[in-house]
C-alpha atoms as a PDB file:
ATOM      1  CA  MET A   1       3.579 -20.949   1.304  1.00  0.00           C
ATOM      2  CA  VAL A   2       1.424 -23.068  -0.931  1.00  0.00           C
ATOM      3  CA  ILE A   3      -2.183 -21.416  -1.275  1.00  0.00           C
ATOM      4  CA  SER A   4      -4.973 -23.646  -2.110  1.00  0.00           C
ATOM      5  CA  LYS A   5      -8.379 -24.536  -0.994  1.00  0.00           C
ATOM      6  CA  ARG A   6      -7.794 -28.153  -0.958  1.00  0.00           C
ATOM      7  CA  GLN A   7      -5.133 -29.836   1.514  1.00  0.00           C
ATOM      8  CA  GLN A   8      -1.579 -30.058  -0.002  1.00  0.00           C
ATOM      9  CA  GLN A   9       0.977 -32.497   0.690  1.00  0.00           C
ATOM     10  CA  GLU A  10       3.918 -30.953   1.792  1.00  0.00           C
ATOM     11  CA  SER A  11       6.005 -29.802  -1.428  1.00  0.00           C
ATOM     12  CA  LEU A  12       9.649 -28.555  -1.182  1.00  0.00           C
ATOM     13  CA  ILE A  13      10.366 -25.707  -3.760  1.00  0.00           C
ATOM     14  CA  THR A  14      14.017 -24.953  -4.328  1.00  0.00           C
ATOM     15  CA  LEU A  15      15.609 -22.369  -6.386  1.00  0.00           C
ATOM     16  CA  ARG A  16      19.497 -22.455  -7.186  1.00  0.00           C
ATOM     17  CA  SER A  17      19.617 -25.479  -5.099  1.00  0.00           C
ATOM     18  CA  GLN A  18      18.553 -24.076  -1.886  1.00  0.00           C
ATOM     19  CA  ILE A  19      15.232 -25.008  -0.120  1.00  0.00           C
ATOM     20  CA  ILE A  20      12.709 -22.048   0.174  1.00  0.00           C
ATOM     21  CA  GLU A  21      11.245 -21.933   3.557  1.00  0.00           C
ATOM     22  CA  ARG A  22       7.588 -22.740   4.010  1.00  0.00           C
ATOM     23  CA  VAL A  23       5.811 -20.217   5.897  1.00  0.00           C
ATOM     24  CA  GLU A  24       2.303 -19.890   7.164  1.00  0.00           C
ATOM     25  CA  LYS A  25       1.861 -16.258   7.042  1.00  0.00           C
ATOM     26  CA  TYR A  26       3.939 -13.267   5.241  1.00  0.00           C
ATOM     27  CA  CYS A  27       3.262  -9.457   4.616  1.00  0.00           C
ATOM     28  CA  PHE A  28       3.098  -8.756   0.878  1.00  0.00           C
ATOM     29  CA  LEU A  29       2.977  -5.261  -0.293  1.00  0.00           C
ATOM     30  CA  GLY A  30       1.444  -4.161   3.400  1.00  0.00           C
ATOM     31  CA  SER A  31      -1.073  -6.864   3.101  1.00  0.00           C
ATOM     32  CA  TRP A  32      -1.093  -9.858   5.352  1.00  0.00           C
ATOM     33  CA  VAL A  33      -1.622 -13.163   3.278  1.00  0.00           C
ATOM     34  CA  ASN A  34      -1.707 -16.853   5.319  1.00  0.00           C
ATOM     35  CA  ALA A  35      -2.357 -20.299   3.956  1.00  0.00           C
ATOM     36  CA  GLN A  36      -5.673 -20.447   5.561  1.00  0.00           C
ATOM     37  CA  TRP A  37      -7.133 -17.744   3.623  1.00  0.00           C
ATOM     38  CA  ASP A  38      -8.068 -16.113   7.012  1.00  0.00           C
ATOM     39  CA  GLN A  39      -8.427 -12.433   6.327  1.00  0.00           C
ATOM     40  CA  SER A  40      -8.758 -11.466  10.365  1.00  0.00           C
ATOM     41  CA  MET A  41      -4.985 -10.943  10.679  1.00  0.00           C
ATOM     42  CA  GLU A  42      -5.583  -8.307   7.629  1.00  0.00           C
ATOM     43  CA  ILE A  43      -8.720  -6.495   8.804  1.00  0.00           C
ATOM     44  CA  LYS A  44      -6.623  -6.279  12.605  1.00  0.00           C
ATOM     45  CA  SER A  45      -3.597  -4.638  10.702  1.00  0.00           C
ATOM     46  CA  LYS A  46      -5.610  -2.292   8.827  1.00  0.00           C
ATOM     47  CA  ILE A  47      -7.557  -1.184  11.985  1.00  0.00           C
ATOM     48  CA  LYS A  48      -4.309  -0.823  13.931  1.00  0.00           C
ATOM     49  CA  LYS A  49      -3.257   1.671  11.078  1.00  0.00           C
ATOM     50  CA  THR A  50      -6.265   3.468  11.201  1.00  0.00           C
ATOM     51  CA  ARG A  51      -5.950   4.118  14.827  1.00  0.00           C
ATOM     52  CA  THR A  52      -2.737   5.344  14.415  1.00  0.00           C
ATOM     53  CA  ALA A  53      -3.894   7.984  11.555  1.00  0.00           C
ATOM     54  CA  TRP A  54      -6.615   8.989  13.659  1.00  0.00           C
ATOM     55  CA  THR A  55      -4.605   9.744  16.885  1.00  0.00           C
ATOM     56  CA  ILE A  56      -4.646  13.414  17.289  1.00  0.00           C
ATOM     57  CA  THR A  57      -2.532  15.456  19.374  1.00  0.00           C
ATOM     58  CA  GLU A  58      -2.984  18.650  21.388  1.00  0.00           C
ATOM     59  CA  PRO A  59      -0.677  20.496  19.024  1.00  0.00           C
ATOM     60  CA  MET A  60      -2.587  19.352  16.101  1.00  0.00           C
ATOM     61  CA  MET A  61      -6.005  20.100  17.464  1.00  0.00           C
ATOM     62  CA  ARG A  62      -4.687  23.485  17.956  1.00  0.00           C
ATOM     63  CA  ARG A  63      -3.483  24.034  14.687  1.00  0.00           C
ATOM     64  CA  LEU A  64      -6.964  22.899  13.577  1.00  0.00           C
ATOM     65  CA  GLU A  65      -8.948  25.297  15.627  1.00  0.00           C
ATOM     66  CA  ALA A  66      -6.383  27.981  14.392  1.00  0.00           C
ATOM     67  CA  PHE A  67      -7.225  27.225  10.817  1.00  0.00           C
ATOM     68  CA  GLU A  68     -11.261  27.494  11.488  1.00  0.00           C
ATOM     69  CA  ILE A  69     -10.680  30.796  13.112  1.00  0.00           C
ATOM     70  CA  TRP A  70      -8.913  31.646  10.145  1.00  0.00           C
ATOM     71  CA  VAL A  71     -11.626  30.434   8.017  1.00  0.00           C
ATOM     72  CA  TYR A  72     -13.962  32.598   9.523  1.00  0.00           C
ATOM     73  CA  ARG A  73     -12.207  35.704   9.621  1.00  0.00           C
ATOM     74  CA  ARG A  74     -12.014  35.350   5.666  1.00  0.00           C
ATOM     75  CA  ILE A  75     -15.534  34.765   5.587  1.00  0.00           C
ATOM     76  CA  LEU A  76     -16.160  38.186   7.810  1.00  0.00           C
ATOM     77  CA  CYS A  77     -13.286  39.850   5.725  1.00  0.00           C
ATOM     78  CA  ILE A  78     -11.621  40.591   9.075  1.00  0.00           C
ATOM     79  CA  SER A  79      -8.022  41.945   8.376  1.00  0.00           C
ATOM     80  CA  TRP A  80      -4.852  40.419  10.440  1.00  0.00           C
ATOM     81  CA  VAL A  81      -4.360  43.674  11.945  1.00  0.00           C
ATOM     82  CA  ASP A  82      -7.780  44.368  13.041  1.00  0.00           C
ATOM     83  CA  HIS A  83      -7.938  43.470  16.862  1.00  0.00           C
ATOM     84  CA  ILE A  84     -10.805  41.567  17.423  1.00  0.00           C
ATOM     85  CA  SER A  85     -11.114  38.258  19.467  1.00  0.00           C
ATOM     86  CA  ASN A  86     -11.849  34.912  18.594  1.00  0.00           C
ATOM     87  CA  GLU A  87     -14.831  34.724  20.833  1.00  0.00           C
ATOM     88  CA  GLU A  88     -16.066  38.131  18.985  1.00  0.00           C
ATOM     89  CA  VAL A  89     -15.853  36.383  15.420  1.00  0.00           C
ATOM     90  CA  LEU A  90     -17.466  33.278  16.704  1.00  0.00           C
ATOM     91  CA  ARG A  91     -20.452  35.589  17.965  1.00  0.00           C
ATOM     92  CA  ARG A  92     -20.639  37.568  14.424  1.00  0.00           C
ATOM     93  CA  LEU A  93     -21.085  34.049  12.943  1.00  0.00           C
ATOM     94  CA  GLY A  94     -23.340  32.881  15.624  1.00  0.00           C
ATOM     95  CA  LYS A  95     -21.175  29.717  15.932  1.00  0.00           C
ATOM     96  CA  GLN A  96     -18.888  27.837  18.256  1.00  0.00           C
ATOM     97  CA  LYS A  97     -15.804  26.215  17.640  1.00  0.00           C
ATOM     98  CA  GLU A  98     -17.065  23.040  15.324  1.00  0.00           C
ATOM     99  CA  ILE A  99     -14.030  21.392  14.146  1.00  0.00           C
ATOM    100  CA  SER A 100     -13.100  19.610  17.544  1.00  0.00           C
ATOM    101  CA  TYR A 101     -16.446  18.610  17.937  1.00  0.00           C
ATOM    102  CA  THR A 102     -16.782  17.285  14.745  1.00  0.00           C
ATOM    103  CA  ILE A 103     -13.353  15.243  15.015  1.00  0.00           C
ATOM    104  CA  LYS A 104     -14.683  13.871  18.226  1.00  0.00           C
ATOM    105  CA  LYS A 105     -18.074  13.077  17.380  1.00  0.00           C
ATOM    106  CA  THR A 106     -16.701  10.850  14.144  1.00  0.00           C
ATOM    107  CA  LYS A 107     -14.084   9.276  15.801  1.00  0.00           C
ATOM    108  CA  THR A 108     -16.882   8.026  18.393  1.00  0.00           C
ATOM    109  CA  LYS A 109     -19.084   7.066  15.719  1.00  0.00           C
ATOM    110  CA  ILE A 110     -16.278   4.853  13.860  1.00  0.00           C
ATOM    111  CA  LEU A 111     -15.382   3.162  17.443  1.00  0.00           C
ATOM    112  CA  ARG A 112     -18.931   2.501  18.216  1.00  0.00           C
ATOM    113  CA  THR A 113     -19.494   0.859  14.796  1.00  0.00           C
ATOM    114  CA  ARG A 114     -16.219  -1.143  15.017  1.00  0.00           C
ATOM    115  CA  ASN A 115     -17.034  -2.161  18.606  1.00  0.00           C
ATOM    116  CA  ALA A 116     -20.324  -3.678  17.599  1.00  0.00           C
ATOM    117  CA  GLN A 117     -18.872  -5.747  14.971  1.00  0.00           C
END
């Protein structure tokens, strides 16, 4: 690939008497580069990675919610041997489960911003 802001004539590059193939695009260190300096392919690649990273499965969500309740129990100094339900812990703090709501709200906000562009 020859990268230049002005139109280039075909040039052959050889290495050890072998001609190097000219390509229109390639991935270098995880980023897409192309001959036209078009960044749209790179942006689409990053969006795809972001979507994959934000995929939260049901088991993940259960672990996050369990962590949230564990933190609330620590705040209230409730021992693990005390038989107090999660609903009672939330009632004592005057809270509802927030972590799943916050994640869903953030994902929705990101998707709305991305779709508006």
